[in-house]
Amino acid sequence: MRPSLRRAGGRRLAALTAGLAVFASISGCGLLGGSDDEDGGNSQVEKSKINVSIQGTIDLAAFHLARKEGYFADEGLKVNPIKVDSADKGFNKLNSGEVDIIYSGYTGFFSHQAAGDMDLKLIADASSAAPKSNAIMVPKNSPLEEPKDLEGKTVGVTPPDTLADILTKAWAEANDVDLDKVNWKPAGFSTTAKGLGKSIDAAFFPDPFIAMNQQQIGAESRWDPMTGPLKDLPMAGYGTTAGFAEENPKTVAAFQRAMVKASNEAETADRTKVIDPILVKDIGLPEDIAPMTTLLTFESSLDPERIQRVPDLMVDRGAINEKIDVKDMIVPPDTGGDDSAK
């Protein structure tokens, strides 16, 4: 499988996903045949118009592909993307009912579930880590060569217990780095990039920040943290409240079928013809940056055993205090056609 497309949350909900900025204004939605009442149902689903909280991450290319190719419309859905600049804001909108479905890094779902402030269900997978899709970056000509060299240095991460923070420290510990000897500096990716080579000696970045840092400041990717115990780690998915899933099973099933189709297509598509144009037009990457990015792997199957790695890692890192059984949070996909929604 070629590297393809994909982030964030933690126990400290106020800083749930300091991370990727949203790059572009995304408007419009798929055409829908059926009910004249956009907010009501039709012959296929209970709710034909749904609001989905999204961010500016590159693994959302499959979501945009589903809208562009009419896969949501084929299922009787009119999907309205709602941009947020952090999953924290997205979860607030989900909790208030402003959105029906949310895209988030898996840590966001599990931190809220563990805190007990929301009862959440996972309905679609989005992405998992691919080789070189994330990196510990250093300034050009940095003397840092081994992970142990980070001891005594300042390392940029996102706020405590968010995804990049958890991943960086798990990787460092797996490479025998004494975490207490590292000066961890939490901030968003954009802020951290400005400090790299000045107040920051090394930092965790996902793409597109990897490509941007390479182009703009000559930074180098020194280590791939998504190796060893973190290899192929599930990164992000789509979820909703237990209440919405229970009250709108046909709507959820329709969303699932559309995303499975789009994710499978995105994973095998000609990147230059299909994915890069979406990265530019819908996600807002500069035309020269989009082809430089390393894509996460598009995922289409909510495999509980695979996704269980994330909350287990969070427990191990102290990001949540109790074990979460992923099977209890997953809405089994309905892979049937229109008949299953009648």
C-alpha atoms as a PDB file:
ATOM      1  CA  MET A   1       0.000   0.000   0.000  1.00  0.00           C
ATOM      2  CA  ARG A   2       1.421   3.345  -0.937  1.00  0.00           C
ATOM      3  CA  PRO A   3       1.639   6.017   1.728  1.00  0.00           C
ATOM      4  CA  SER A   4      -1.615   7.879   1.577  1.00  0.00           C
ATOM      5  CA  LEU A   5      -3.648  10.237   3.471  1.00  0.00           C
ATOM      6  CA  ARG A   6      -4.674  12.212   7.880  1.00  0.00           C
ATOM      7  CA  ARG A   7      -4.976  14.008  14.636  1.00  0.00           C
ATOM      8  CA  ALA A   8      -5.591  15.274  18.495  1.00  0.00           C
ATOM      9  CA  GLY A   9      -7.007  15.399  21.896  1.00  0.00           C
ATOM     10  CA  GLY A  10      -6.210  14.602  25.450  1.00  0.00           C
ATOM     11  CA  ARG A  11      -7.337  14.722  29.008  1.00  0.00           C
ATOM     12  CA  ARG A  12      -6.926  18.458  29.301  1.00  0.00           C
ATOM     13  CA  LEU A  13      -9.959  19.349  27.290  1.00  0.00           C
ATOM     14  CA  ALA A  14      -9.246  23.074  27.136  1.00  0.00           C
ATOM     15  CA  ALA A  15      -6.196  22.295  25.018  1.00  0.00           C
ATOM     16  CA  LEU A  16      -7.674  19.332  23.235  1.00  0.00           C
ATOM     17  CA  THR A  17      -6.079  19.915  19.869  1.00  0.00           C
ATOM     18  CA  ALA A  18      -3.626  22.767  19.632  1.00  0.00           C
ATOM     19  CA  GLY A  19      -2.467  21.903  16.212  1.00  0.00           C
ATOM     20  CA  LEU A  20      -3.308  22.160  12.598  1.00  0.00           C
ATOM     21  CA  ALA A  21      -4.682  25.482  11.410  1.00  0.00           C
ATOM     22  CA  VAL A  22      -7.607  25.423   9.026  1.00  0.00           C
ATOM     23  CA  PHE A  23      -6.298  26.531   5.662  1.00  0.00           C
ATOM     24  CA  ALA A  24      -9.218  27.359   3.435  1.00  0.00           C
ATOM     25  CA  SER A  25     -12.822  28.429   3.473  1.00  0.00           C
ATOM     26  CA  ILE A  26     -14.896  25.501   2.389  1.00  0.00           C
ATOM     27  CA  SER A  27     -18.412  26.117   1.193  1.00  0.00           C
ATOM     28  CA  GLY A  28     -21.218  24.431  -0.618  1.00  0.00           C
ATOM     29  CA  CYS A  29     -22.515  20.921  -0.205  1.00  0.00           C
ATOM     30  CA  GLY A  30     -23.539  17.895  -2.218  1.00  0.00           C
ATOM     31  CA  LEU A  31     -26.784  17.988  -4.161  1.00  0.00           C
ATOM     32  CA  LEU A  32     -29.648  16.011  -2.741  1.00  0.00           C
ATOM     33  CA  GLY A  33     -32.744  14.539  -4.255  1.00  0.00           C
ATOM     34  CA  GLY A  34     -35.694  13.643  -2.063  1.00  0.00           C
ATOM     35  CA  SER A  35     -37.431  15.656   0.603  1.00  0.00           C
ATOM     36  CA  ASP A  36     -38.123  19.335   0.077  1.00  0.00           C
ATOM     37  CA  ASP A  37     -37.441  19.829   3.786  1.00  0.00           C
ATOM     38  CA  GLU A  38     -33.637  19.992   3.955  1.00  0.00           C
ATOM     39  CA  ASP A  39     -33.561  19.607   7.735  1.00  0.00           C
ATOM     40  CA  GLY A  40     -35.977  16.683   7.721  1.00  0.00           C
ATOM     41  CA  GLY A  41     -35.689  13.179   6.375  1.00  0.00           C
ATOM     42  CA  ASN A  42     -36.440  11.499   3.085  1.00  0.00           C
ATOM     43  CA  SER A  43     -37.048   7.970   1.895  1.00  0.00           C
ATOM     44  CA  GLN A  44     -33.428   7.067   2.672  1.00  0.00           C
ATOM     45  CA  VAL A  45     -32.515   8.780   5.948  1.00  0.00           C
ATOM     46  CA  GLU A  46     -34.060  10.340   9.056  1.00  0.00           C
ATOM     47  CA  LYS A  47     -32.124  13.588   8.625  1.00  0.00           C
ATOM     48  CA  SER A  48     -31.137  14.567   5.119  1.00  0.00           C
ATOM     49  CA  LYS A  49     -29.106  17.690   5.925  1.00  0.00           C
ATOM     50  CA  ILE A  50     -26.263  17.155   8.384  1.00  0.00           C
ATOM     51  CA  ASN A  51     -23.564  19.469   9.683  1.00  0.00           C
ATOM     52  CA  VAL A  52     -20.086  17.993   9.987  1.00  0.00           C
ATOM     53  CA  SER A  53     -17.270  19.619  11.966  1.00  0.00           C
ATOM     54  CA  ILE A  54     -14.006  19.469  10.026  1.00  0.00           C
ATOM     55  CA  GLN A  55     -10.478  20.850  10.298  1.00  0.00           C
ATOM     56  CA  GLY A  56      -7.780  21.696   7.762  1.00  0.00           C
ATOM     57  CA  THR A  57      -6.007  18.352   7.885  1.00  0.00           C
ATOM     58  CA  ILE A  58      -4.941  16.561   4.742  1.00  0.00           C
ATOM     59  CA  ASP A  59      -6.633  13.256   5.573  1.00  0.00           C
ATOM     60  CA  LEU A  60      -9.953  15.023   5.051  1.00  0.00           C
ATOM     61  CA  ALA A  61      -9.306  14.645   1.328  1.00  0.00           C
ATOM     62  CA  ALA A  62     -11.500  11.530   1.397  1.00  0.00           C
ATOM     63  CA  PHE A  63     -14.359  13.518   2.938  1.00  0.00           C
ATOM     64  CA  HIS A  64     -14.072  16.201   0.268  1.00  0.00           C
ATOM     65  CA  LEU A  65     -13.861  13.497  -2.393  1.00  0.00           C
ATOM     66  CA  ALA A  66     -17.143  12.031  -1.127  1.00  0.00           C
ATOM     67  CA  ARG A  67     -18.810  15.418  -1.528  1.00  0.00           C
ATOM     68  CA  LYS A  68     -17.234  16.131  -4.899  1.00  0.00           C
ATOM     69  CA  GLU A  69     -18.190  12.763  -6.389  1.00  0.00           C
ATOM     70  CA  GLY A  70     -21.721  12.848  -4.963  1.00  0.00           C
ATOM     71  CA  TYR A  71     -21.333   9.835  -2.688  1.00  0.00           C
ATOM     72  CA  PHE A  72     -23.185  11.564   0.150  1.00  0.00           C
ATOM     73  CA  ALA A  73     -25.901  12.713  -2.235  1.00  0.00           C
ATOM     74  CA  ASP A  74     -26.280   9.160  -3.537  1.00  0.00           C
ATOM     75  CA  GLU A  75     -27.080   8.124   0.033  1.00  0.00           C
ATOM     76  CA  GLY A  76     -29.694  10.861   0.474  1.00  0.00           C
ATOM     77  CA  LEU A  77     -27.443  13.207   2.430  1.00  0.00           C
ATOM     78  CA  LYS A  78     -26.701  16.881   2.027  1.00  0.00           C
ATOM     79  CA  VAL A  79     -23.503  17.436   3.998  1.00  0.00           C
ATOM     80  CA  ASN A  80     -22.607  20.901   5.260  1.00  0.00           C
ATOM     81  CA  PRO A  81     -18.973  21.206   6.450  1.00  0.00           C
ATOM     82  CA  ILE A  82     -18.435  23.449   9.476  1.00  0.00           C
ATOM     83  CA  LYS A  83     -14.822  24.642   9.793  1.00  0.00           C
ATOM     84  CA  VAL A  84     -13.173  24.766  13.199  1.00  0.00           C
ATOM     85  CA  ASP A  85      -9.545  25.448  14.059  1.00  0.00           C
ATOM     86  CA  SER A  86      -9.406  22.819  16.797  1.00  0.00           C
ATOM     87  CA  ALA A  87     -11.259  19.652  17.719  1.00  0.00           C
ATOM     88  CA  ASP A  88     -11.983  21.278  21.079  1.00  0.00           C
ATOM     89  CA  LYS A  89     -14.273  23.751  19.317  1.00  0.00           C
ATOM     90  CA  GLY A  90     -15.737  20.956  17.239  1.00  0.00           C
ATOM     91  CA  PHE A  91     -16.685  18.949  20.313  1.00  0.00           C
ATOM     92  CA  ASN A  92     -18.318  22.026  21.815  1.00  0.00           C
ATOM     93  CA  LYS A  93     -20.438  22.342  18.673  1.00  0.00           C
ATOM     94  CA  LEU A  94     -21.273  18.634  18.775  1.00  0.00           C
ATOM     95  CA  ASN A  95     -22.304  18.873  22.420  1.00  0.00           C
ATOM     96  CA  SER A  96     -24.541  21.867  21.709  1.00  0.00           C
ATOM     97  CA  GLY A  97     -26.151  20.239  18.674  1.00  0.00           C
ATOM     98  CA  GLU A  98     -24.711  22.746  16.208  1.00  0.00           C
ATOM     99  CA  VAL A  99     -23.070  19.879  14.326  1.00  0.00           C
ATOM    100  CA  ASP A 100     -24.202  16.283  13.972  1.00  0.00           C
ATOM    101  CA  ILE A 101     -20.888  14.586  13.213  1.00  0.00           C
ATOM    102  CA  ILE A 102     -17.306  15.525  14.033  1.00  0.00           C
ATOM    103  CA  TYR A 103     -13.928  14.712  12.523  1.00  0.00           C
ATOM    104  CA  SER A 104     -11.237  14.504  15.201  1.00  0.00           C
ATOM    105  CA  GLY A 105      -8.030  12.839  16.190  1.00  0.00           C
ATOM    106  CA  TYR A 106      -8.933   9.683  18.105  1.00  0.00           C
ATOM    107  CA  THR A 107      -7.460  11.044  21.312  1.00  0.00           C
ATOM    108  CA  GLY A 108     -10.196  13.676  21.360  1.00  0.00           C
ATOM    109  CA  PHE A 109     -12.959  11.077  21.346  1.00  0.00           C
ATOM    110  CA  PHE A 110     -11.362   8.995  24.063  1.00  0.00           C
ATOM    111  CA  SER A 111     -10.490  11.896  26.357  1.00  0.00           C
ATOM    112  CA  HIS A 112     -14.097  13.114  26.338  1.00  0.00           C
ATOM    113  CA  GLN A 113     -15.436   9.588  26.810  1.00  0.00           C
ATOM    114  CA  ALA A 114     -13.096   8.999  29.741  1.00  0.00           C
ATOM    115  CA  ALA A 115     -14.000  12.340  31.305  1.00  0.00           C
ATOM    116  CA  GLY A 116     -17.672  11.417  31.099  1.00  0.00           C
ATOM    117  CA  ASP A 117     -18.738  14.799  29.759  1.00  0.00           C
ATOM    118  CA  MET A 118     -20.001  13.295  26.486  1.00  0.00           C
ATOM    119  CA  ASP A 119     -21.272   9.885  25.401  1.00  0.00           C
ATOM    120  CA  LEU A 120     -19.685   9.347  21.992  1.00  0.00           C
ATOM    121  CA  LYS A 121     -19.849   6.832  19.181  1.00  0.00           C
ATOM    122  CA  LEU A 122     -17.303   6.221  16.425  1.00  0.00           C
ATOM    123  CA  ILE A 123     -18.911   5.874  13.007  1.00  0.00           C
ATOM    124  CA  ALA A 124     -16.120   6.038  10.408  1.00  0.00           C
ATOM    125  CA  ASP A 125     -12.358   5.696  10.257  1.00  0.00           C
ATOM    126  CA  ALA A 126     -10.260   8.382   8.594  1.00  0.00           C
ATOM    127  CA  SER A 127      -6.542   7.691   8.737  1.00  0.00           C
ATOM    128  CA  SER A 128      -3.562   5.969  10.249  1.00  0.00           C
ATOM    129  CA  ALA A 129       0.090   6.915  10.338  1.00  0.00           C
ATOM    130  CA  ALA A 130       2.176   6.260   7.255  1.00  0.00           C
ATOM    131  CA  PRO A 131       5.984   6.329   7.069  1.00  0.00           C
ATOM    132  CA  LYS A 132       7.319   9.904   7.144  1.00  0.00           C
ATOM    133  CA  SER A 133       3.850  11.419   7.543  1.00  0.00           C
ATOM    134  CA  ASN A 134       5.026  12.834  10.880  1.00  0.00           C
ATOM    135  CA  ALA A 135       8.503  13.913  11.891  1.00  0.00           C
ATOM    136  CA  ILE A 136      10.715  15.180  14.659  1.00  0.00           C
ATOM    137  CA  MET A 137      12.262  18.138  12.842  1.00  0.00           C
ATOM    138  CA  VAL A 138      15.433  20.064  13.585  1.00  0.00           C
ATOM    139  CA  PRO A 139      16.941  23.264  12.160  1.00  0.00           C
ATOM    140  CA  LYS A 140      19.241  23.002   9.179  1.00  0.00           C
ATOM    141  CA  ASN A 141      22.719  21.747  10.155  1.00  0.00           C
ATOM    142  CA  SER A 142      21.534  20.759  13.636  1.00  0.00           C
ATOM    143  CA  PRO A 143      24.130  18.765  15.612  1.00  0.00           C
ATOM    144  CA  LEU A 144      21.401  16.490  17.011  1.00  0.00           C
ATOM    145  CA  GLU A 145      21.928  12.997  15.632  1.00  0.00           C
ATOM    146  CA  GLU A 146      20.556  10.508  18.148  1.00  0.00           C
ATOM    147  CA  PRO A 147      17.316  10.658  20.162  1.00  0.00           C
ATOM    148  CA  LYS A 148      19.387  10.780  23.371  1.00  0.00           C
ATOM    149  CA  ASP A 149      20.789  14.093  22.130  1.00  0.00           C
ATOM    150  CA  LEU A 150      17.415  15.633  22.975  1.00  0.00           C
ATOM    151  CA  GLU A 151      18.255  15.460  26.669  1.00  0.00           C
ATOM    152  CA  GLY A 152      19.060  18.954  27.852  1.00  0.00           C
ATOM    153  CA  LYS A 153      17.386  20.456  24.785  1.00  0.00           C
ATOM    154  CA  THR A 154      14.093  22.263  24.199  1.00  0.00           C
ATOM    155  CA  VAL A 155      11.581  20.203  22.247  1.00  0.00           C
ATOM    156  CA  GLY A 156       8.364  21.611  20.826  1.00  0.00           C
ATOM    157  CA  VAL A 157       5.158  19.646  21.335  1.00  0.00           C
ATOM    158  CA  THR A 158       1.466  20.431  21.517  1.00  0.00           C
ATOM    159  CA  PRO A 159      -0.140  21.007  24.970  1.00  0.00           C
ATOM    160  CA  PRO A 160       0.063  18.177  27.514  1.00  0.00           C
ATOM    161  CA  ASP A 161      -1.913  15.039  26.726  1.00  0.00           C
ATOM    162  CA  THR A 162      -2.764  16.089  23.178  1.00  0.00           C
ATOM    163  CA  LEU A 163      -1.857  13.799  20.312  1.00  0.00           C
ATOM    164  CA  ALA A 164       1.536  15.205  19.300  1.00  0.00           C
ATOM    165  CA  ASP A 165       2.573  15.460  22.951  1.00  0.00           C
ATOM    166  CA  ILE A 166       1.635  11.836  23.599  1.00  0.00           C
ATOM    167  CA  LEU A 167       3.316  10.561  20.435  1.00  0.00           C
ATOM    168  CA  THR A 168       6.542  12.511  20.893  1.00  0.00           C
ATOM    169  CA  LYS A 169       7.035  11.396  24.484  1.00  0.00           C
ATOM    170  CA  ALA A 170       6.105   7.789  23.726  1.00  0.00           C
ATOM    171  CA  TRP A 171       8.631   7.735  20.874  1.00  0.00           C
ATOM    172  CA  ALA A 172      11.315   9.411  22.989  1.00  0.00           C
ATOM    173  CA  GLU A 173      10.832   7.004  25.871  1.00  0.00           C
ATOM    174  CA  ALA A 174      10.967   4.035  23.485  1.00  0.00           C
ATOM    175  CA  ASN A 175      14.361   5.380  22.385  1.00  0.00           C
ATOM    176  CA  ASP A 176      15.705   5.586  25.954  1.00  0.00           C
ATOM    177  CA  VAL A 177      15.349   9.352  26.287  1.00  0.00           C
ATOM    178  CA  ASP A 178      14.961  10.516  29.891  1.00  0.00           C
ATOM    179  CA  LEU A 179      11.815  12.628  29.601  1.00  0.00           C
ATOM    180  CA  ASP A 180      12.663  14.545  32.758  1.00  0.00           C
ATOM    181  CA  LYS A 181      15.860  15.807  31.145  1.00  0.00           C
ATOM    182  CA  VAL A 182      14.024  17.377  28.198  1.00  0.00           C
ATOM    183  CA  ASN A 183      12.605  20.893  28.281  1.00  0.00           C
ATOM    184  CA  TRP A 184       9.182  20.357  26.713  1.00  0.00           C
ATOM    185  CA  LYS A 185       7.722  23.488  25.151  1.00  0.00           C
ATOM    186  CA  PRO A 186       4.005  23.212  24.351  1.00  0.00           C
ATOM    187  CA  ALA A 187       2.461  25.342  21.610  1.00  0.00           C
ATOM    188  CA  GLY A 188       0.581  25.083  18.346  1.00  0.00           C
ATOM    189  CA  PHE A 189       2.426  23.929  15.249  1.00  0.00           C
ATOM    190  CA  SER A 190       2.580  27.377  13.658  1.00  0.00           C
ATOM    191  CA  THR A 191       4.007  28.947  16.810  1.00  0.00           C
ATOM    192  CA  THR A 192       6.502  26.123  17.241  1.00  0.00           C
ATOM    193  CA  ALA A 193       7.683  26.466  13.638  1.00  0.00           C
ATOM    194  CA  LYS A 194       8.554  30.117  14.247  1.00  0.00           C
ATOM    195  CA  GLY A 195      10.734  29.125  17.205  1.00  0.00           C
ATOM    196  CA  LEU A 196      12.551  26.239  15.538  1.00  0.00           C
ATOM    197  CA  GLY A 197      16.253  27.067  15.435  1.00  0.00           C
ATOM    198  CA  LYS A 198      15.791  29.905  17.922  1.00  0.00           C
ATOM    199  CA  SER A 199      14.234  28.921  21.236  1.00  0.00           C
ATOM    200  CA  ILE A 200      13.397  25.383  20.084  1.00  0.00           C
ATOM    201  CA  ASP A 201      15.970  22.715  19.197  1.00  0.00           C
ATOM    202  CA  ALA A 202      13.593  20.091  17.790  1.00  0.00           C
ATOM    203  CA  ALA A 203       9.854  19.613  17.420  1.00  0.00           C
ATOM    204  CA  PHE A 204       7.124  17.225  16.334  1.00  0.00           C
ATOM    205  CA  PHE A 205       5.284  18.144  13.140  1.00  0.00           C
ATOM    206  CA  PRO A 206       2.791  16.435  10.836  1.00  0.00           C
ATOM    207  CA  ASP A 207       2.369  17.341   7.215  1.00  0.00           C
ATOM    208  CA  PRO A 208       1.710  19.862   5.743  1.00  0.00           C
ATOM    209  CA  PHE A 209       3.922  21.554   8.355  1.00  0.00           C
ATOM    210  CA  ILE A 210       6.805  19.239   7.473  1.00  0.00           C
ATOM    211  CA  ALA A 211       6.743  20.394   3.857  1.00  0.00           C
ATOM    212  CA  MET A 212       6.245  24.031   4.845  1.00  0.00           C
ATOM    213  CA  ASN A 213       9.155  23.980   7.291  1.00  0.00           C
ATOM    214  CA  GLN A 214      11.422  22.357   4.734  1.00  0.00           C
ATOM    215  CA  GLN A 215      10.568  24.944   2.115  1.00  0.00           C
ATOM    216  CA  GLN A 216      10.391  28.070   4.259  1.00  0.00           C
ATOM    217  CA  ILE A 217      13.159  27.644   6.849  1.00  0.00           C
ATOM    218  CA  GLY A 218      15.199  24.733   5.537  1.00  0.00           C
ATOM    219  CA  ALA A 219      14.302  22.526   8.499  1.00  0.00           C
ATOM    220  CA  GLU A 220      15.160  18.836   8.321  1.00  0.00           C
ATOM    221  CA  SER A 221      13.187  15.747   9.283  1.00  0.00           C
ATOM    222  CA  ARG A 222      15.553  13.999  11.668  1.00  0.00           C
ATOM    223  CA  TRP A 223      13.418  11.133  13.023  1.00  0.00           C
ATOM    224  CA  ASP A 224      10.161   9.430  12.102  1.00  0.00           C
ATOM    225  CA  PRO A 225       8.309   8.983  15.409  1.00  0.00           C
ATOM    226  CA  MET A 226       5.682   6.681  13.914  1.00  0.00           C
ATOM    227  CA  THR A 227       7.900   3.620  14.082  1.00  0.00           C
ATOM    228  CA  GLY A 228       8.245   0.711  16.479  1.00  0.00           C
ATOM    229  CA  PRO A 229       5.262   0.639  18.869  1.00  0.00           C
ATOM    230  CA  LEU A 230       3.686   3.603  17.063  1.00  0.00           C
ATOM    231  CA  LYS A 231       3.853   2.141  13.553  1.00  0.00           C
ATOM    232  CA  ASP A 232       0.555   2.414  11.642  1.00  0.00           C
ATOM    233  CA  LEU A 233      -1.135   3.963  14.663  1.00  0.00           C
ATOM    234  CA  PRO A 234      -4.749   5.029  13.991  1.00  0.00           C
ATOM    235  CA  MET A 235      -4.847   8.808  13.893  1.00  0.00           C
ATOM    236  CA  ALA A 236      -8.319  10.198  13.248  1.00  0.00           C
ATOM    237  CA  GLY A 237     -11.916   9.333  12.558  1.00  0.00           C
ATOM    238  CA  TYR A 238     -15.499  10.526  12.578  1.00  0.00           C
ATOM    239  CA  GLY A 239     -17.925  10.306  15.458  1.00  0.00           C
ATOM    240  CA  THR A 240     -21.187  11.546  16.876  1.00  0.00           C
ATOM    241  CA  THR A 241     -23.130  11.475  20.102  1.00  0.00           C
ATOM    242  CA  ALA A 242     -24.746   8.252  21.259  1.00  0.00           C
ATOM    243  CA  GLY A 243     -28.074  10.055  21.144  1.00  0.00           C
ATOM    244  CA  PHE A 244     -27.728  11.087  17.504  1.00  0.00           C
ATOM    245  CA  ALA A 245     -26.603   7.599  16.492  1.00  0.00           C
ATOM    246  CA  GLU A 246     -29.561   6.009  18.260  1.00  0.00           C
ATOM    247  CA  GLU A 247     -32.128   8.428  16.828  1.00  0.00           C
ATOM    248  CA  ASN A 248     -30.703   8.483  13.285  1.00  0.00           C
ATOM    249  CA  PRO A 249     -29.402   4.997  12.430  1.00  0.00           C
ATOM    250  CA  LYS A 250     -30.155   5.310   8.701  1.00  0.00           C
ATOM    251  CA  THR A 251     -28.405   8.687   8.535  1.00  0.00           C
ATOM    252  CA  VAL A 252     -25.324   7.292  10.253  1.00  0.00           C
ATOM    253  CA  ALA A 253     -25.312   4.230   7.996  1.00  0.00           C
ATOM    254  CA  ALA A 254     -25.568   6.444   4.919  1.00  0.00           C
ATOM    255  CA  PHE A 255     -22.598   8.530   6.078  1.00  0.00           C
ATOM    256  CA  GLN A 256     -20.632   5.347   6.734  1.00  0.00           C
ATOM    257  CA  ARG A 257     -21.263   3.914   3.277  1.00  0.00           C
ATOM    258  CA  ALA A 258     -20.285   7.156   1.554  1.00  0.00           C
ATOM    259  CA  MET A 259     -17.059   7.449   3.556  1.00  0.00           C
ATOM    260  CA  VAL A 260     -16.066   3.830   2.967  1.00  0.00           C
ATOM    261  CA  LYS A 261     -16.448   4.338  -0.774  1.00  0.00           C
ATOM    262  CA  ALA A 262     -14.527   7.619  -0.756  1.00  0.00           C
ATOM    263  CA  SER A 263     -11.744   6.341   1.516  1.00  0.00           C
ATOM    264  CA  ASN A 264     -11.154   3.256  -0.600  1.00  0.00           C
ATOM    265  CA  GLU A 265     -11.077   5.394  -3.721  1.00  0.00           C
ATOM    266  CA  ALA A 266      -8.723   7.954  -2.170  1.00  0.00           C
ATOM    267  CA  GLU A 267      -6.310   5.235  -1.075  1.00  0.00           C
ATOM    268  CA  THR A 268      -5.913   3.836  -4.572  1.00  0.00           C
ATOM    269  CA  ALA A 269      -6.407   6.995  -6.635  1.00  0.00           C
ATOM    270  CA  ASP A 270      -3.799   8.697  -8.784  1.00  0.00           C
ATOM    271  CA  ARG A 271      -2.547  11.237  -6.295  1.00  0.00           C
ATOM    272  CA  THR A 272      -1.575  13.851  -8.857  1.00  0.00           C
ATOM    273  CA  LYS A 273      -4.962  13.783 -10.558  1.00  0.00           C
ATOM    274  CA  VAL A 274      -7.276  13.207  -7.591  1.00  0.00           C
ATOM    275  CA  ILE A 275      -5.756  14.033  -4.210  1.00  0.00           C
ATOM    276  CA  ASP A 276      -3.436  16.984  -4.811  1.00  0.00           C
ATOM    277  CA  PRO A 277      -6.171  19.097  -6.450  1.00  0.00           C
ATOM    278  CA  ILE A 278      -8.343  18.521  -3.365  1.00  0.00           C
ATOM    279  CA  LEU A 279      -5.474  19.505  -1.073  1.00  0.00           C
ATOM    280  CA  VAL A 280      -5.221  22.787  -2.947  1.00  0.00           C
ATOM    281  CA  LYS A 281      -8.854  23.627  -3.668  1.00  0.00           C
ATOM    282  CA  ASP A 282     -10.681  22.238  -0.637  1.00  0.00           C
ATOM    283  CA  ILE A 283      -8.043  22.171   2.096  1.00  0.00           C
ATOM    284  CA  GLY A 284      -6.198  25.263   0.943  1.00  0.00           C
ATOM    285  CA  LEU A 285      -2.592  24.167   0.612  1.00  0.00           C
ATOM    286  CA  PRO A 286      -0.356  26.185  -1.721  1.00  0.00           C
ATOM    287  CA  GLU A 287       0.095  24.500  -5.086  1.00  0.00           C
ATOM    288  CA  ASP A 288       3.824  24.027  -4.513  1.00  0.00           C
ATOM    289  CA  ILE A 289       3.320  22.539  -1.028  1.00  0.00           C
ATOM    290  CA  ALA A 290       0.556  20.024  -1.755  1.00  0.00           C
ATOM    291  CA  PRO A 291       2.667  17.549  -3.785  1.00  0.00           C
ATOM    292  CA  MET A 292       5.480  17.742  -1.216  1.00  0.00           C
ATOM    293  CA  THR A 293       3.345  16.353   1.596  1.00  0.00           C
ATOM    294  CA  THR A 294       3.487  12.755   2.717  1.00  0.00           C
ATOM    295  CA  LEU A 295      -0.040  11.493   3.024  1.00  0.00           C
ATOM    296  CA  LEU A 296      -1.386   9.456   5.873  1.00  0.00           C
ATOM    297  CA  THR A 297      -3.075   6.172   5.036  1.00  0.00           C
ATOM    298  CA  PHE A 298      -6.765   6.491   4.240  1.00  0.00           C
ATOM    299  CA  GLU A 299      -8.672   3.980   6.341  1.00  0.00           C
ATOM    300  CA  SER A 300     -12.175   2.676   5.704  1.00  0.00           C
ATOM    301  CA  SER A 301     -12.645  -0.004   8.364  1.00  0.00           C
ATOM    302  CA  LEU A 302     -13.408   0.693  12.024  1.00  0.00           C
ATOM    303  CA  ASP A 303     -11.400  -2.236  13.355  1.00  0.00           C
ATOM    304  CA  PRO A 304     -11.815  -2.151  17.153  1.00  0.00           C
ATOM    305  CA  GLU A 305      -8.644  -4.138  17.799  1.00  0.00           C
ATOM    306  CA  ARG A 306      -6.563  -1.728  15.749  1.00  0.00           C
ATOM    307  CA  ILE A 307      -8.138   1.428  17.173  1.00  0.00           C
ATOM    308  CA  GLN A 308      -7.852   0.037  20.714  1.00  0.00           C
ATOM    309  CA  ARG A 309      -4.150   0.889  20.499  1.00  0.00           C
ATOM    310  CA  VAL A 310      -4.980   4.581  20.929  1.00  0.00           C
ATOM    311  CA  PRO A 311      -6.812   4.591  24.282  1.00  0.00           C
ATOM    312  CA  ASP A 312      -4.366   1.981  25.579  1.00  0.00           C
ATOM    313  CA  LEU A 313      -1.511   4.339  24.690  1.00  0.00           C
ATOM    314  CA  MET A 314      -3.337   7.200  26.397  1.00  0.00           C
ATOM    315  CA  VAL A 315      -3.703   5.169  29.584  1.00  0.00           C
ATOM    316  CA  ASP A 316      -0.034   4.216  29.427  1.00  0.00           C
ATOM    317  CA  ARG A 317       0.955   7.887  29.037  1.00  0.00           C
ATOM    318  CA  GLY A 318      -1.376   9.021  31.822  1.00  0.00           C
ATOM    319  CA  ALA A 319      -3.564  11.041  29.448  1.00  0.00           C
ATOM    320  CA  ILE A 320      -6.667   9.219  30.683  1.00  0.00           C
ATOM    321  CA  ASN A 321      -7.121   7.324  33.911  1.00  0.00           C
ATOM    322  CA  GLU A 322      -9.354   4.449  32.888  1.00  0.00           C
ATOM    323  CA  LYS A 323      -9.314   1.799  30.200  1.00  0.00           C
ATOM    324  CA  ILE A 324     -11.788   2.324  27.382  1.00  0.00           C
ATOM    325  CA  ASP A 325     -13.231  -0.579  25.407  1.00  0.00           C
ATOM    326  CA  VAL A 326     -13.370   0.673  21.831  1.00  0.00           C
ATOM    327  CA  LYS A 327     -15.908  -1.992  20.824  1.00  0.00           C
ATOM    328  CA  ASP A 328     -18.484  -0.282  23.034  1.00  0.00           C
ATOM    329  CA  MET A 329     -18.036   2.997  21.146  1.00  0.00           C
ATOM    330  CA  ILE A 330     -18.212   1.715  17.566  1.00  0.00           C
ATOM    331  CA  VAL A 331     -21.413   1.808  15.533  1.00  0.00           C
ATOM    332  CA  PRO A 332     -21.124  -1.283  13.309  1.00  0.00           C
ATOM    333  CA  PRO A 333     -21.109  -0.222   9.661  1.00  0.00           C
ATOM    334  CA  ASP A 334     -24.125  -0.938   7.505  1.00  0.00           C
ATOM    335  CA  THR A 335     -22.649  -1.996   4.187  1.00  0.00           C
ATOM    336  CA  GLY A 336     -25.965  -2.561   2.477  1.00  0.00           C
ATOM    337  CA  GLY A 337     -27.435  -0.452  -0.266  1.00  0.00           C
ATOM    338  CA  ASP A 338     -30.547   1.681  -0.211  1.00  0.00           C
ATOM    339  CA  ASP A 339     -32.705  -1.215   0.979  1.00  0.00           C
ATOM    340  CA  SER A 340     -30.924  -1.166   4.323  1.00  0.00           C
ATOM    341  CA  ALA A 341     -32.017   2.400   4.861  1.00  0.00           C
ATOM    342  CA  LYS A 342     -35.707   1.754   4.287  1.00  0.00           C
END
